[in-house]
């Protein structure tokens, strides 16, 4: 089972709060395991288009086929350490080549 991160970006904290607000729509098992299908269904209700890479790409967060460990669902976001990481593009800004603008809050969700 995975542990909490040392620190979180403000966007990660916002995502954790989103999941906690929609917890009644997700089945969270004892080990803080969430199915990908339920997670994608809940994300479609918000401005998220996919499971964030800090969850989906980490091997230690995989709990078998189509399941993720997300212990932050049970954590108090006010007690999590926030870092001031300013890397990445701002939502809606264009990349250096001028193509593929970053996703913003107004993007309609992608259904799978």
PDB file of N, CA and C in Angstrom:
ATOM      1  N   UNK A   1       0.836  -1.183   0.000  1.00  0.00           N
ATOM      2  CA  UNK A   1       0.000   0.000   0.000  1.00  0.00           C
ATOM      3  C   UNK A   1       0.883   1.250   0.000  1.00  0.00           C
ATOM      4  N   UNK A   2       0.454   2.262  -0.688  1.00  0.00           N
ATOM      5  CA  UNK A   2       1.215   3.501  -0.797  1.00  0.00           C
ATOM      6  C   UNK A   2       0.934   4.424   0.390  1.00  0.00           C
ATOM      7  N   UNK A   3       1.857   5.315   0.645  1.00  0.00           N
ATOM      8  CA  UNK A   3       1.681   6.278   1.727  1.00  0.00           C
ATOM      9  C   UNK A   3       1.418   7.650   1.125  1.00  0.00           C
ATOM     10  N   UNK A   4       1.115   8.590   1.972  1.00  0.00           N
ATOM     11  CA  UNK A   4       0.889   9.956   1.519  1.00  0.00           C
ATOM     12  C   UNK A   4       2.188  10.553   0.992  1.00  0.00           C
ATOM     13  N   UNK A   5       2.072  11.523   0.083  1.00  0.00           N
ATOM     14  CA  UNK A   5       3.241  12.215  -0.448  1.00  0.00           C
ATOM     15  C   UNK A   5       3.819  13.138   0.614  1.00  0.00           C
ATOM     16  N   UNK A   6       5.078  13.533   0.437  1.00  0.00           N
ATOM     17  CA  UNK A   6       5.706  14.457   1.378  1.00  0.00           C
ATOM     18  C   UNK A   6       5.061  15.830   1.313  1.00  0.00           C
ATOM     19  N   UNK A   7       4.725  16.272   0.104  1.00  0.00           N
ATOM     20  CA  UNK A   7       4.052  17.561  -0.064  1.00  0.00           C
ATOM     21  C   UNK A   7       3.194  17.506  -1.326  1.00  0.00           C
ATOM     22  N   UNK A   8       2.247  18.416  -1.417  1.00  0.00           N
ATOM     23  CA  UNK A   8       1.282  18.441  -2.513  1.00  0.00           C
ATOM     24  C   UNK A   8       1.246  19.832  -3.127  1.00  0.00           C
ATOM     25  N   UNK A   9       0.979  19.885  -4.427  1.00  0.00           N
ATOM     26  CA  UNK A   9       0.777  21.172  -5.085  1.00  0.00           C
ATOM     27  C   UNK A   9      -0.639  21.644  -4.765  1.00  0.00           C
ATOM     28  N   UNK A  10      -0.913  22.929  -4.918  1.00  0.00           N
ATOM     29  CA  UNK A  10      -2.273  23.409  -4.692  1.00  0.00           C
ATOM     30  C   UNK A  10      -3.296  22.685  -5.578  1.00  0.00           C
ATOM     31  N   UNK A  11      -2.916  22.334  -6.797  1.00  0.00           N
ATOM     32  CA  UNK A  11      -3.825  21.610  -7.683  1.00  0.00           C
ATOM     33  C   UNK A  11      -4.130  20.213  -7.171  1.00  0.00           C
ATOM     34  N   UNK A  12      -3.142  19.559  -6.578  1.00  0.00           N
ATOM     35  CA  UNK A  12      -3.368  18.232  -6.002  1.00  0.00           C
ATOM     36  C   UNK A  12      -4.300  18.314  -4.794  1.00  0.00           C
ATOM     37  N   UNK A  13      -4.131  19.335  -3.981  1.00  0.00           N
ATOM     38  CA  UNK A  13      -5.017  19.545  -2.833  1.00  0.00           C
ATOM     39  C   UNK A  13      -6.446  19.784  -3.324  1.00  0.00           C
ATOM     40  N   UNK A  14      -6.591  20.570  -4.376  1.00  0.00           N
ATOM     41  CA  UNK A  14      -7.909  20.831  -4.948  1.00  0.00           C
ATOM     42  C   UNK A  14      -8.536  19.519  -5.451  1.00  0.00           C
ATOM     43  N   UNK A  15      -7.737  18.659  -6.070  1.00  0.00           N
ATOM     44  CA  UNK A  15      -8.231  17.385  -6.555  1.00  0.00           C
ATOM     45  C   UNK A  15      -8.664  16.489  -5.392  1.00  0.00           C
ATOM     46  N   UNK A  16      -7.888  16.459  -4.322  1.00  0.00           N
ATOM     47  CA  UNK A  16      -8.243  15.662  -3.145  1.00  0.00           C
ATOM     48  C   UNK A  16      -9.566  16.148  -2.559  1.00  0.00           C
ATOM     49  N   UNK A  17      -9.729  17.458  -2.462  1.00  0.00           N
ATOM     50  CA  UNK A  17     -10.997  18.006  -1.947  1.00  0.00           C
ATOM     51  C   UNK A  17     -12.170  17.639  -2.865  1.00  0.00           C
ATOM     52  N   UNK A  18     -11.938  17.658  -4.176  1.00  0.00           N
ATOM     53  CA  UNK A  18     -12.974  17.266  -5.127  1.00  0.00           C
ATOM     54  C   UNK A  18     -13.399  15.823  -4.876  1.00  0.00           C
ATOM     55  N   UNK A  19     -12.426  14.931  -4.712  1.00  0.00           N
ATOM     56  CA  UNK A  19     -12.746  13.523  -4.447  1.00  0.00           C
ATOM     57  C   UNK A  19     -13.500  13.370  -3.129  1.00  0.00           C
ATOM     58  N   UNK A  20     -13.080  14.104  -2.108  1.00  0.00           N
ATOM     59  CA  UNK A  20     -13.752  14.009  -0.818  1.00  0.00           C
ATOM     60  C   UNK A  20     -15.184  14.545  -0.899  1.00  0.00           C
ATOM     61  N   UNK A  21     -15.403  15.578  -1.695  1.00  0.00           N
ATOM     62  CA  UNK A  21     -16.755  16.118  -1.871  1.00  0.00           C
ATOM     63  C   UNK A  21     -17.671  15.130  -2.582  1.00  0.00           C
ATOM     64  N   UNK A  22     -17.099  14.277  -3.432  1.00  0.00           N
ATOM     65  CA  UNK A  22     -17.870  13.303  -4.198  1.00  0.00           C
ATOM     66  C   UNK A  22     -17.684  11.874  -3.681  1.00  0.00           C
ATOM     67  N   UNK A  23     -17.243  11.752  -2.453  1.00  0.00           N
ATOM     68  CA  UNK A  23     -16.970  10.430  -1.885  1.00  0.00           C
ATOM     69  C   UNK A  23     -18.193   9.527  -1.858  1.00  0.00           C
ATOM     70  N   UNK A  24     -19.363  10.076  -1.702  1.00  0.00           N
ATOM     71  CA  UNK A  24     -20.578   9.261  -1.656  1.00  0.00           C
ATOM     72  C   UNK A  24     -20.854   8.564  -2.990  1.00  0.00           C
ATOM     73  N   UNK A  25     -20.229   9.043  -4.058  1.00  0.00           N
ATOM     74  CA  UNK A  25     -20.418   8.462  -5.380  1.00  0.00           C
ATOM     75  C   UNK A  25     -19.331   7.444  -5.742  1.00  0.00           C
ATOM     76  N   UNK A  26     -18.365   7.253  -4.840  1.00  0.00           N
ATOM     77  CA  UNK A  26     -17.249   6.341  -5.084  1.00  0.00           C
ATOM     78  C   UNK A  26     -17.248   5.275  -3.996  1.00  0.00           C
ATOM     79  N   UNK A  27     -17.016   4.034  -4.376  1.00  0.00           N
ATOM     80  CA  UNK A  27     -16.829   2.974  -3.398  1.00  0.00           C
ATOM     81  C   UNK A  27     -15.355   2.962  -3.013  1.00  0.00           C
ATOM     82  N   UNK A  28     -15.075   3.296  -1.751  1.00  0.00           N
ATOM     83  CA  UNK A  28     -13.705   3.309  -1.255  1.00  0.00           C
ATOM     84  C   UNK A  28     -13.545   2.101  -0.348  1.00  0.00           C
ATOM     85  N   UNK A  29     -12.686   1.175  -0.740  1.00  0.00           N
ATOM     86  CA  UNK A  29     -12.473  -0.045   0.028  1.00  0.00           C
ATOM     87  C   UNK A  29     -11.529   0.218   1.189  1.00  0.00           C
ATOM     88  N   UNK A  30     -11.392  -0.733   2.095  1.00  0.00           N
ATOM     89  CA  UNK A  30     -10.605  -0.574   3.327  1.00  0.00           C
ATOM     90  C   UNK A  30      -9.194  -0.060   3.092  1.00  0.00           C
ATOM     91  N   UNK A  31      -8.576  -0.464   2.018  1.00  0.00           N
ATOM     92  CA  UNK A  31      -7.195  -0.055   1.746  1.00  0.00           C
ATOM     93  C   UNK A  31      -7.139   1.241   0.936  1.00  0.00           C
ATOM     94  N   UNK A  32      -8.226   2.004   0.928  1.00  0.00           N
ATOM     95  CA  UNK A  32      -8.328   3.244   0.147  1.00  0.00           C
ATOM     96  C   UNK A  32      -8.201   2.968  -1.343  1.00  0.00           C
ATOM     97  N   UNK A  33      -8.716   1.838  -1.772  1.00  0.00           N
ATOM     98  CA  UNK A  33      -8.695   1.460  -3.176  1.00  0.00           C
ATOM     99  C   UNK A  33      -9.953   1.964  -3.860  1.00  0.00           C
ATOM    100  N   UNK A  34      -9.773   2.552  -5.035  1.00  0.00           N
ATOM    101  CA  UNK A  34     -10.876   3.085  -5.832  1.00  0.00           C
ATOM    102  C   UNK A  34     -10.767   2.482  -7.225  1.00  0.00           C
ATOM    103  N   UNK A  35     -11.900   2.084  -7.799  1.00  0.00           N
ATOM    104  CA  UNK A  35     -11.860   1.534  -9.153  1.00  0.00           C
ATOM    105  C   UNK A  35     -11.724   2.660 -10.164  1.00  0.00           C
ATOM    106  N   UNK A  36     -11.043   2.393 -11.242  1.00  0.00           N
ATOM    107  CA  UNK A  36     -10.836   3.391 -12.290  1.00  0.00           C
ATOM    108  C   UNK A  36     -12.168   3.830 -12.884  1.00  0.00           C
ATOM    109  N   UNK A  37     -13.078   2.903 -13.110  1.00  0.00           N
ATOM    110  CA  UNK A  37     -14.375   3.221 -13.719  1.00  0.00           C
ATOM    111  C   UNK A  37     -15.147   4.238 -12.882  1.00  0.00           C
ATOM    112  N   UNK A  38     -15.243   3.995 -11.574  1.00  0.00           N
ATOM    113  CA  UNK A  38     -15.943   4.934 -10.699  1.00  0.00           C
ATOM    114  C   UNK A  38     -15.230   6.277 -10.644  1.00  0.00           C
ATOM    115  N   UNK A  39     -13.908   6.235 -10.624  1.00  0.00           N
ATOM    116  CA  UNK A  39     -13.128   7.464 -10.578  1.00  0.00           C
ATOM    117  C   UNK A  39     -13.354   8.298 -11.830  1.00  0.00           C
ATOM    118  N   UNK A  40     -13.334   7.674 -12.994  1.00  0.00           N
ATOM    119  CA  UNK A  40     -13.555   8.389 -14.254  1.00  0.00           C
ATOM    120  C   UNK A  40     -14.973   8.954 -14.309  1.00  0.00           C
ATOM    121  N   UNK A  41     -15.959   8.203 -13.818  1.00  0.00           N
ATOM    122  CA  UNK A  41     -17.344   8.690 -13.795  1.00  0.00           C
ATOM    123  C   UNK A  41     -17.482   9.936 -12.927  1.00  0.00           C
ATOM    124  N   UNK A  42     -16.822   9.952 -11.775  1.00  0.00           N
ATOM    125  CA  UNK A  42     -16.882  11.116 -10.884  1.00  0.00           C
ATOM    126  C   UNK A  42     -16.125  12.296 -11.492  1.00  0.00           C
ATOM    127  N   UNK A  43     -14.978  12.020 -12.121  1.00  0.00           N
ATOM    128  CA  UNK A  43     -14.191  13.100 -12.718  1.00  0.00           C
ATOM    129  C   UNK A  43     -14.960  13.787 -13.839  1.00  0.00           C
ATOM    130  N   UNK A  44     -15.803  13.054 -14.530  1.00  0.00           N
ATOM    131  CA  UNK A  44     -16.599  13.629 -15.617  1.00  0.00           C
ATOM    132  C   UNK A  44     -17.582  14.673 -15.096  1.00  0.00           C
ATOM    133  N   UNK A  45     -17.916  14.617 -13.821  1.00  0.00           N
ATOM    134  CA  UNK A  45     -18.832  15.589 -13.227  1.00  0.00           C
ATOM    135  C   UNK A  45     -18.137  16.895 -12.874  1.00  0.00           C
ATOM    136  N   UNK A  46     -16.822  16.871 -12.835  1.00  0.00           N
ATOM    137  CA  UNK A  46     -16.043  18.070 -12.537  1.00  0.00           C
ATOM    138  C   UNK A  46     -15.374  18.570 -13.798  1.00  0.00           C
ATOM    139  N   UNK A  47     -14.316  19.340 -13.639  1.00  0.00           N
ATOM    140  CA  UNK A  47     -13.601  19.865 -14.798  1.00  0.00           C
ATOM    141  C   UNK A  47     -12.362  19.033 -15.126  1.00  0.00           C
ATOM    142  N   UNK A  48     -12.315  17.817 -14.609  1.00  0.00           N
ATOM    143  CA  UNK A  48     -11.185  16.928 -14.874  1.00  0.00           C
ATOM    144  C   UNK A  48     -11.483  16.041 -16.072  1.00  0.00           C
ATOM    145  N   UNK A  49     -10.490  15.840 -16.920  1.00  0.00           N
ATOM    146  CA  UNK A  49     -10.685  15.023 -18.118  1.00  0.00           C
ATOM    147  C   UNK A  49     -10.040  13.650 -17.994  1.00  0.00           C
ATOM    148  N   UNK A  50      -9.195  13.446 -16.988  1.00  0.00           N
ATOM    149  CA  UNK A  50      -8.529  12.160 -16.819  1.00  0.00           C
ATOM    150  C   UNK A  50      -8.029  12.029 -15.385  1.00  0.00           C
ATOM    151  N   UNK A  51      -7.663  10.817 -15.015  1.00  0.00           N
ATOM    152  CA  UNK A  51      -7.059  10.576 -13.708  1.00  0.00           C
ATOM    153  C   UNK A  51      -5.683  11.245 -13.728  1.00  0.00           C
ATOM    154  N   UNK A  52      -5.361  12.077 -12.743  1.00  0.00           N
ATOM    155  CA  UNK A  52      -4.075  12.774 -12.750  1.00  0.00           C
ATOM    156  C   UNK A  52      -2.887  11.810 -12.780  1.00  0.00           C
ATOM    157  N   UNK A  53      -1.807  12.241 -13.405  1.00  0.00           N
ATOM    158  CA  UNK A  53      -0.613  11.409 -13.549  1.00  0.00           C
ATOM    159  C   UNK A  53      -0.005  11.049 -12.201  1.00  0.00           C
ATOM    160  N   UNK A  54      -0.106  11.906 -11.206  1.00  0.00           N
ATOM    161  CA  UNK A  54       0.482  11.596  -9.901  1.00  0.00           C
ATOM    162  C   UNK A  54      -0.223  10.417  -9.238  1.00  0.00           C
ATOM    163  N   UNK A  55      -1.382  10.039  -9.755  1.00  0.00           N
ATOM    164  CA  UNK A  55      -2.064   8.838  -9.288  1.00  0.00           C
ATOM    165  C   UNK A  55      -1.905   7.713 -10.303  1.00  0.00           C
ATOM    166  N   UNK A  56      -2.213   7.984 -11.559  1.00  0.00           N
ATOM    167  CA  UNK A  56      -2.259   6.934 -12.580  1.00  0.00           C
ATOM    168  C   UNK A  56      -0.891   6.394 -12.978  1.00  0.00           C
ATOM    169  N   UNK A  57       0.151   7.217 -12.966  1.00  0.00           N
ATOM    170  CA  UNK A  57       1.447   6.793 -13.483  1.00  0.00           C
ATOM    171  C   UNK A  57       2.326   6.077 -12.461  1.00  0.00           C
ATOM    172  N   UNK A  58       2.027   6.232 -11.197  1.00  0.00           N
ATOM    173  CA  UNK A  58       2.865   5.632 -10.155  1.00  0.00           C
ATOM    174  C   UNK A  58       2.508   4.162  -9.945  1.00  0.00           C
ATOM    175  N   UNK A  59       3.499   3.304 -10.050  1.00  0.00           N
ATOM    176  CA  UNK A  59       3.274   1.859  -9.859  1.00  0.00           C
ATOM    177  C   UNK A  59       2.775   1.535  -8.452  1.00  0.00           C
ATOM    178  N   UNK A  60       3.286   2.249  -7.458  1.00  0.00           N
ATOM    179  CA  UNK A  60       2.882   1.947  -6.084  1.00  0.00           C
ATOM    180  C   UNK A  60       1.428   2.334  -5.795  1.00  0.00           C
ATOM    181  N   UNK A  61       0.821   3.105  -6.692  1.00  0.00           N
ATOM    182  CA  UNK A  61      -0.591   3.465  -6.523  1.00  0.00           C
ATOM    183  C   UNK A  61      -1.531   2.496  -7.241  1.00  0.00           C
ATOM    184  N   UNK A  62      -0.986   1.549  -7.965  1.00  0.00           N
ATOM    185  CA  UNK A  62      -1.825   0.571  -8.662  1.00  0.00           C
ATOM    186  C   UNK A  62      -2.202  -0.555  -7.708  1.00  0.00           C
ATOM    187  N   UNK A  63      -3.477  -0.855  -7.679  1.00  0.00           N
ATOM    188  CA  UNK A  63      -3.984  -1.909  -6.786  1.00  0.00           C
ATOM    189  C   UNK A  63      -4.628  -2.997  -7.622  1.00  0.00           C
ATOM    190  N   UNK A  64      -3.890  -3.485  -8.586  1.00  0.00           N
ATOM    191  CA  UNK A  64      -4.451  -4.487  -9.488  1.00  0.00           C
ATOM    192  C   UNK A  64      -5.017  -3.818 -10.731  1.00  0.00           C
ATOM    193  N   UNK A  65      -5.622  -4.601 -11.574  1.00  0.00           N
ATOM    194  CA  UNK A  65      -6.144  -4.105 -12.845  1.00  0.00           C
ATOM    195  C   UNK A  65      -7.331  -3.155 -12.619  1.00  0.00           C
ATOM    196  N   UNK A  66      -7.155  -1.909 -13.036  1.00  0.00           N
ATOM    197  CA  UNK A  66      -8.231  -0.931 -12.965  1.00  0.00           C
ATOM    198  C   UNK A  66      -8.538  -0.406 -11.584  1.00  0.00           C
ATOM    199  N   UNK A  67      -7.588  -0.496 -10.658  1.00  0.00           N
ATOM    200  CA  UNK A  67      -7.785   0.018  -9.302  1.00  0.00           C
ATOM    201  C   UNK A  67      -6.587   0.861  -8.881  1.00  0.00           C
ATOM    202  N   UNK A  68      -6.857   1.885  -8.070  1.00  0.00           N
ATOM    203  CA  UNK A  68      -5.800   2.766  -7.572  1.00  0.00           C
ATOM    204  C   UNK A  68      -5.885   2.885  -6.059  1.00  0.00           C
ATOM    205  N   UNK A  69      -4.717   3.018  -5.399  1.00  0.00           N
ATOM    206  CA  UNK A  69      -4.650   3.383  -3.991  1.00  0.00           C
ATOM    207  C   UNK A  69      -4.685   4.908  -3.914  1.00  0.00           C
ATOM    208  N   UNK A  70      -5.642   5.448  -3.186  1.00  0.00           N
ATOM    209  CA  UNK A  70      -5.700   6.904  -2.987  1.00  0.00           C
ATOM    210  C   UNK A  70      -5.958   7.162  -1.501  1.00  0.00           C
ATOM    211  N   UNK A  71      -4.922   7.035  -0.663  1.00  0.00           N
ATOM    212  CA  UNK A  71      -5.119   7.221   0.777  1.00  0.00           C
ATOM    213  C   UNK A  71      -5.496   8.654   1.156  1.00  0.00           C
ATOM    214  N   UNK A  72      -5.267   9.591   0.249  1.00  0.00           N
ATOM    215  CA  UNK A  72      -5.602  10.993   0.531  1.00  0.00           C
ATOM    216  C   UNK A  72      -7.103  11.197   0.708  1.00  0.00           C
ATOM    217  N   UNK A  73      -7.907  10.266   0.237  1.00  0.00           N
ATOM    218  CA  UNK A  73      -9.363  10.383   0.392  1.00  0.00           C
ATOM    219  C   UNK A  73      -9.733  10.455   1.867  1.00  0.00           C
ATOM    220  N   UNK A  74      -8.972   9.773   2.721  1.00  0.00           N
ATOM    221  CA  UNK A  74      -9.257   9.775   4.162  1.00  0.00           C
ATOM    222  C   UNK A  74      -8.483  10.844   4.927  1.00  0.00           C
ATOM    223  N   UNK A  75      -7.632  11.588   4.247  1.00  0.00           N
ATOM    224  CA  UNK A  75      -6.793  12.592   4.909  1.00  0.00           C
ATOM    225  C   UNK A  75      -7.534  13.923   5.027  1.00  0.00           C
ATOM    226  N   UNK A  76      -7.145  14.700   6.008  1.00  0.00           N
ATOM    227  CA  UNK A  76      -7.658  16.055   6.157  1.00  0.00           C
ATOM    228  C   UNK A  76      -6.784  16.975   5.300  1.00  0.00           C
ATOM    229  N   UNK A  77      -7.343  17.572   4.228  1.00  0.00           N
ATOM    230  CA  UNK A  77      -6.522  18.422   3.346  1.00  0.00           C
ATOM    231  C   UNK A  77      -5.844  19.585   4.064  1.00  0.00           C
ATOM    232  N   UNK A  78      -6.411  20.024   5.180  1.00  0.00           N
ATOM    233  CA  UNK A  78      -5.810  21.130   5.916  1.00  0.00           C
ATOM    234  C   UNK A  78      -4.518  20.732   6.614  1.00  0.00           C
ATOM    235  N   UNK A  79      -4.284  19.442   6.794  1.00  0.00           N
ATOM    236  CA  UNK A  79      -3.065  18.985   7.464  1.00  0.00           C
ATOM    237  C   UNK A  79      -1.980  18.548   6.478  1.00  0.00           C
ATOM    238  N   UNK A  80      -2.288  18.498   5.186  1.00  0.00           N
ATOM    239  CA  UNK A  80      -1.304  18.094   4.181  1.00  0.00           C
ATOM    240  C   UNK A  80      -0.330  19.235   3.905  1.00  0.00           C
ATOM    241  N   UNK A  81       0.931  18.900   3.697  1.00  0.00           N
ATOM    242  CA  UNK A  81       1.958  19.893   3.409  1.00  0.00           C
ATOM    243  C   UNK A  81       1.828  20.348   1.965  1.00  0.00           C
ATOM    244  N   UNK A  82       1.743  21.657   1.769  1.00  0.00           N
ATOM    245  CA  UNK A  82       1.605  22.223   0.428  1.00  0.00           C
ATOM    246  C   UNK A  82       2.943  22.799   0.004  1.00  0.00           C
ATOM    247  N   UNK A  83       3.381  22.432  -1.216  1.00  0.00           N
ATOM    248  CA  UNK A  83       4.608  23.025  -1.732  1.00  0.00           C
ATOM    249  C   UNK A  83       4.241  24.162  -2.677  1.00  0.00           C
ATOM    250  N   UNK A  84       5.204  24.974  -2.989  1.00  0.00           N
ATOM    251  CA  UNK A  84       4.959  26.128  -3.853  1.00  0.00           C
ATOM    252  C   UNK A  84       5.501  25.884  -5.246  1.00  0.00           C
ATOM    253  N   UNK A  85       5.379  24.678  -5.704  1.00  0.00           N
ATOM    254  CA  UNK A  85       5.851  24.298  -7.030  1.00  0.00           C
ATOM    255  C   UNK A  85       5.100  25.104  -8.090  1.00  0.00           C
ATOM    256  N   UNK A  86       5.810  25.800  -8.921  1.00  0.00           N
ATOM    257  CA  UNK A  86       5.193  26.632  -9.966  1.00  0.00           C
ATOM    258  C   UNK A  86       5.481  26.084 -11.355  1.00  0.00           C
ATOM    259  N   UNK A  87       5.887  24.810 -11.453  1.00  0.00           N
ATOM    260  CA  UNK A  87       6.197  24.223 -12.752  1.00  0.00           C
ATOM    261  C   UNK A  87       4.928  24.013 -13.553  1.00  0.00           C
ATOM    262  N   UNK A  88       5.088  23.888 -14.853  1.00  0.00           N
ATOM    263  CA  UNK A  88       3.964  23.597 -15.733  1.00  0.00           C
ATOM    264  C   UNK A  88       3.277  24.844 -16.246  1.00  0.00           C
ATOM    265  N   UNK A  89       2.386  24.626 -17.198  1.00  0.00           N
ATOM    266  CA  UNK A  89       1.654  25.742 -17.786  1.00  0.00           C
ATOM    267  C   UNK A  89       0.426  26.075 -16.949  1.00  0.00           C
ATOM    268  N   UNK A  90       0.015  27.312 -17.016  1.00  0.00           N
ATOM    269  CA  UNK A  90      -1.228  27.714 -16.376  1.00  0.00           C
ATOM    270  C   UNK A  90      -2.379  27.185 -17.224  1.00  0.00           C
ATOM    271  N   UNK A  91      -3.521  26.857 -16.607  1.00  0.00           N
ATOM    272  CA  UNK A  91      -4.666  26.385 -17.390  1.00  0.00           C
ATOM    273  C   UNK A  91      -5.036  27.384 -18.478  1.00  0.00           C
ATOM    274  N   UNK A  92      -5.208  26.890 -19.691  1.00  0.00           N
ATOM    275  CA  UNK A  92      -5.604  27.741 -20.812  1.00  0.00           C
ATOM    276  C   UNK A  92      -4.452  28.341 -21.593  1.00  0.00           C
ATOM    277  N   UNK A  93      -3.217  28.235 -21.078  1.00  0.00           N
ATOM    278  CA  UNK A  93      -2.087  28.823 -21.806  1.00  0.00           C
ATOM    279  C   UNK A  93      -1.642  27.894 -22.922  1.00  0.00           C
ATOM    280  N   UNK A  94      -0.968  28.463 -23.909  1.00  0.00           N
ATOM    281  CA  UNK A  94      -0.518  27.682 -25.062  1.00  0.00           C
ATOM    282  C   UNK A  94       0.903  27.191 -24.817  1.00  0.00           C
ATOM    283  N   UNK A  95       1.257  26.090 -25.476  1.00  0.00           N
ATOM    284  CA  UNK A  95       2.618  25.597 -25.329  1.00  0.00           C
ATOM    285  C   UNK A  95       3.567  26.406 -26.211  1.00  0.00           C
ATOM    286  N   UNK A  96       4.844  26.103 -26.159  1.00  0.00           N
ATOM    287  CA  UNK A  96       5.854  26.894 -26.869  1.00  0.00           C
ATOM    288  C   UNK A  96       5.666  26.873 -28.376  1.00  0.00           C
ATOM    289  N   UNK A  97       5.170  25.788 -28.924  1.00  0.00           N
ATOM    290  CA  UNK A  97       4.982  25.696 -30.363  1.00  0.00           C
ATOM    291  C   UNK A  97       3.645  26.280 -30.804  1.00  0.00           C
ATOM    292  N   UNK A  98       2.839  26.689 -29.846  1.00  0.00           N
ATOM    293  CA  UNK A  98       1.576  27.325 -30.192  1.00  0.00           C
ATOM    294  C   UNK A  98       0.435  26.363 -30.468  1.00  0.00           C
ATOM    295  N   UNK A  99       0.642  25.073 -30.205  1.00  0.00           N
ATOM    296  CA  UNK A  99      -0.415  24.090 -30.431  1.00  0.00           C
ATOM    297  C   UNK A  99      -0.871  23.498 -29.107  1.00  0.00           C
ATOM    298  N   UNK A 100      -2.023  22.854 -29.138  1.00  0.00           N
ATOM    299  CA  UNK A 100      -2.553  22.090 -28.007  1.00  0.00           C
ATOM    300  C   UNK A 100      -2.581  22.900 -26.722  1.00  0.00           C
ATOM    301  N   UNK A 101      -3.525  23.813 -26.597  1.00  0.00           N
ATOM    302  CA  UNK A 101      -3.610  24.592 -25.362  1.00  0.00           C
ATOM    303  C   UNK A 101      -3.874  23.687 -24.163  1.00  0.00           C
ATOM    304  N   UNK A 102      -3.379  24.104 -23.014  1.00  0.00           N
ATOM    305  CA  UNK A 102      -3.589  23.334 -21.787  1.00  0.00           C
ATOM    306  C   UNK A 102      -5.065  23.323 -21.434  1.00  0.00           C
ATOM    307  N   UNK A 103      -5.501  22.270 -20.772  1.00  0.00           N
ATOM    308  CA  UNK A 103      -6.902  22.158 -20.358  1.00  0.00           C
ATOM    309  C   UNK A 103      -7.227  23.245 -19.344  1.00  0.00           C
ATOM    310  N   UNK A 104      -8.421  23.769 -19.413  1.00  0.00           N
ATOM    311  CA  UNK A 104      -8.861  24.778 -18.457  1.00  0.00           C
ATOM    312  C   UNK A 104     -10.144  24.299 -17.811  1.00  0.00           C
ATOM    313  N   UNK A 105     -10.667  25.090 -16.914  1.00  0.00           N
ATOM    314  CA  UNK A 105     -11.895  24.709 -16.211  1.00  0.00           C
ATOM    315  C   UNK A 105     -13.076  24.587 -17.146  1.00  0.00           C
ATOM    316  N   UNK A 106     -13.036  25.186 -18.309  1.00  0.00           N
ATOM    317  CA  UNK A 106     -14.162  25.150 -19.230  1.00  0.00           C
ATOM    318  C   UNK A 106     -14.157  23.986 -20.202  1.00  0.00           C
ATOM    319  N   UNK A 107     -13.212  23.060 -20.082  1.00  0.00           N
ATOM    320  CA  UNK A 107     -13.115  21.935 -21.003  1.00  0.00           C
ATOM    321  C   UNK A 107     -14.196  20.925 -20.657  1.00  0.00           C
ATOM    322  N   UNK A 108     -14.905  20.477 -21.678  1.00  0.00           N
ATOM    323  CA  UNK A 108     -15.908  19.446 -21.418  1.00  0.00           C
ATOM    324  C   UNK A 108     -15.218  18.105 -21.216  1.00  0.00           C
ATOM    325  N   UNK A 109     -15.731  17.269 -20.319  1.00  0.00           N
ATOM    326  CA  UNK A 109     -15.050  16.005 -20.019  1.00  0.00           C
ATOM    327  C   UNK A 109     -15.094  15.028 -21.179  1.00  0.00           C
ATOM    328  N   UNK A 110     -14.061  14.214 -21.264  1.00  0.00           N
ATOM    329  CA  UNK A 110     -13.979  13.167 -22.288  1.00  0.00           C
ATOM    330  C   UNK A 110     -14.582  11.906 -21.710  1.00  0.00           C
ATOM    331  N   UNK A 111     -15.479  11.269 -22.441  1.00  0.00           N
ATOM    332  CA  UNK A 111     -16.056  10.026 -21.965  1.00  0.00           C
ATOM    333  C   UNK A 111     -15.320   8.857 -22.587  1.00  0.00           C
ATOM    334  N   UNK A 112     -15.142   7.832 -21.798  1.00  0.00           N
ATOM    335  CA  UNK A 112     -14.426   6.654 -22.302  1.00  0.00           C
ATOM    336  C   UNK A 112     -15.337   5.461 -22.332  1.00  0.00           C
TER     337      UNK A 112
END
